Amino acid sequence: MKDLKHIFFTVLSHTNSEVKMMNKEKIEKAQQKKEQDVFNSVTNSIKPRNQNQEHNVREEGIGPKNNKK
């Protein structure tokens, strides 16, 4: 049983450099996710401009014909 525990822990143990590398990768991924969330919140909050709010194309097209009568 002791041999099995020894084998189990040696397989799952990591060196300090491996742990530092994993922590660095986790921090980088978390930072990228945070930056992406900030970018998405900015791009999602801007309402697109409706070009048809200022004038009515149908009235502008029909208007001159009705004025000739």
C-alpha atoms as a PDB file:
ATOM      1  CA  MET A   1       0.000   0.000   0.000  1.00  0.00           C
ATOM      2  CA  LYS A   2       2.855   2.405   0.795  1.00  0.00           C
ATOM      3  CA  ASP A   3       4.404   1.744  -2.593  1.00  0.00           C
ATOM      4  CA  LEU A   4       1.121   2.572  -4.297  1.00  0.00           C
ATOM      5  CA  LYS A   5       0.856   5.914  -2.433  1.00  0.00           C
ATOM      6  CA  HIS A   6       4.449   6.735  -3.303  1.00  0.00           C
ATOM      7  CA  ILE A   7       3.830   6.036  -6.994  1.00  0.00           C
ATOM      8  CA  PHE A   8       0.565   8.001  -6.934  1.00  0.00           C
ATOM      9  CA  PHE A   9       2.146  11.128  -5.425  1.00  0.00           C
ATOM     10  CA  THR A  10       5.219  11.037  -7.626  1.00  0.00           C
ATOM     11  CA  VAL A  11       3.044  10.922 -10.727  1.00  0.00           C
ATOM     12  CA  LEU A  12       0.897  13.876  -9.612  1.00  0.00           C
ATOM     13  CA  SER A  13       3.658  16.073  -8.219  1.00  0.00           C
ATOM     14  CA  HIS A  14       4.937  19.029 -10.210  1.00  0.00           C
ATOM     15  CA  THR A  15       8.161  20.953 -10.060  1.00  0.00           C
ATOM     16  CA  ASN A  16       8.201  24.568  -8.906  1.00  0.00           C
ATOM     17  CA  SER A  17       8.826  25.799 -12.433  1.00  0.00           C
ATOM     18  CA  GLU A  18       5.841  23.800 -13.720  1.00  0.00           C
ATOM     19  CA  VAL A  19       3.604  25.276 -11.025  1.00  0.00           C
ATOM     20  CA  LYS A  20       4.854  28.805 -11.799  1.00  0.00           C
ATOM     21  CA  MET A  21       4.220  28.236 -15.510  1.00  0.00           C
ATOM     22  CA  MET A  22       0.680  26.969 -14.817  1.00  0.00           C
ATOM     23  CA  ASN A  23      -0.021  29.940 -12.548  1.00  0.00           C
ATOM     24  CA  LYS A  24       1.322  32.309 -15.196  1.00  0.00           C
ATOM     25  CA  GLU A  25      -0.921  30.728 -17.847  1.00  0.00           C
ATOM     26  CA  LYS A  26      -3.958  30.949 -15.549  1.00  0.00           C
ATOM     27  CA  ILE A  27      -3.236  34.603 -14.820  1.00  0.00           C
ATOM     28  CA  GLU A  28      -2.793  35.372 -18.537  1.00  0.00           C
ATOM     29  CA  LYS A  29      -6.049  33.594 -19.435  1.00  0.00           C
ATOM     30  CA  ALA A  30      -7.909  35.421 -16.663  1.00  0.00           C
ATOM     31  CA  GLN A  31      -6.500  38.750 -17.861  1.00  0.00           C
ATOM     32  CA  GLN A  32      -7.461  38.017 -21.486  1.00  0.00           C
ATOM     33  CA  LYS A  33     -10.978  37.052 -20.378  1.00  0.00           C
ATOM     34  CA  LYS A  34     -11.275  40.264 -18.362  1.00  0.00           C
ATOM     35  CA  GLU A  35     -10.096  42.368 -21.322  1.00  0.00           C
ATOM     36  CA  GLN A  36     -12.525  40.561 -23.632  1.00  0.00           C
ATOM     37  CA  ASP A  37     -15.400  41.171 -21.203  1.00  0.00           C
ATOM     38  CA  VAL A  38     -14.527  44.873 -21.039  1.00  0.00           C
ATOM     39  CA  PHE A  39     -14.359  45.034 -24.850  1.00  0.00           C
ATOM     40  CA  ASN A  40     -17.710  43.260 -25.213  1.00  0.00           C
ATOM     41  CA  SER A  41     -19.379  45.489 -22.632  1.00  0.00           C
ATOM     42  CA  VAL A  42     -18.243  48.577 -24.566  1.00  0.00           C
ATOM     43  CA  THR A  43     -19.255  47.260 -27.982  1.00  0.00           C
ATOM     44  CA  ASN A  44     -22.604  45.931 -26.755  1.00  0.00           C
ATOM     45  CA  SER A  45     -23.557  49.181 -25.006  1.00  0.00           C
ATOM     46  CA  ILE A  46     -23.309  51.349 -28.129  1.00  0.00           C
ATOM     47  CA  LYS A  47     -26.673  51.544 -29.875  1.00  0.00           C
ATOM     48  CA  PRO A  48     -26.426  51.555 -33.677  1.00  0.00           C
ATOM     49  CA  ARG A  49     -27.712  54.680 -35.417  1.00  0.00           C
ATOM     50  CA  ASN A  50     -30.958  54.244 -37.302  1.00  0.00           C
ATOM     51  CA  GLN A  51     -30.556  56.133 -40.564  1.00  0.00           C
ATOM     52  CA  ASN A  52     -34.306  56.223 -41.235  1.00  0.00           C
ATOM     53  CA  GLN A  53     -35.237  58.164 -38.100  1.00  0.00           C
ATOM     54  CA  GLU A  54     -34.531  61.582 -39.581  1.00  0.00           C
ATOM     55  CA  HIS A  55     -36.615  61.283 -42.754  1.00  0.00           C
ATOM     56  CA  ASN A  56     -39.187  59.063 -44.405  1.00  0.00           C
ATOM     57  CA  VAL A  57     -37.984  57.741 -47.745  1.00  0.00           C
ATOM     58  CA  ARG A  58     -41.501  56.884 -48.943  1.00  0.00           C
ATOM     59  CA  GLU A  59     -42.822  60.398 -48.347  1.00  0.00           C
ATOM     60  CA  GLU A  60     -39.814  61.930 -50.057  1.00  0.00           C
ATOM     61  CA  GLY A  61     -40.301  59.698 -53.083  1.00  0.00           C
ATOM     62  CA  ILE A  62     -44.059  60.189 -53.387  1.00  0.00           C
ATOM     63  CA  GLY A  63     -44.144  63.864 -52.383  1.00  0.00           C
ATOM     64  CA  PRO A  64     -43.092  65.505 -55.680  1.00  0.00           C
ATOM     65  CA  LYS A  65     -45.650  63.480 -57.695  1.00  0.00           C
ATOM     66  CA  ASN A  66     -48.491  64.580 -55.439  1.00  0.00           C
ATOM     67  CA  ASN A  67     -47.446  68.220 -55.642  1.00  0.00           C
ATOM     68  CA  LYS A  68     -47.830  68.258 -59.462  1.00  0.00           C
ATOM     69  CA  LYS A  69     -51.605  67.653 -59.329  1.00  0.00           C
END
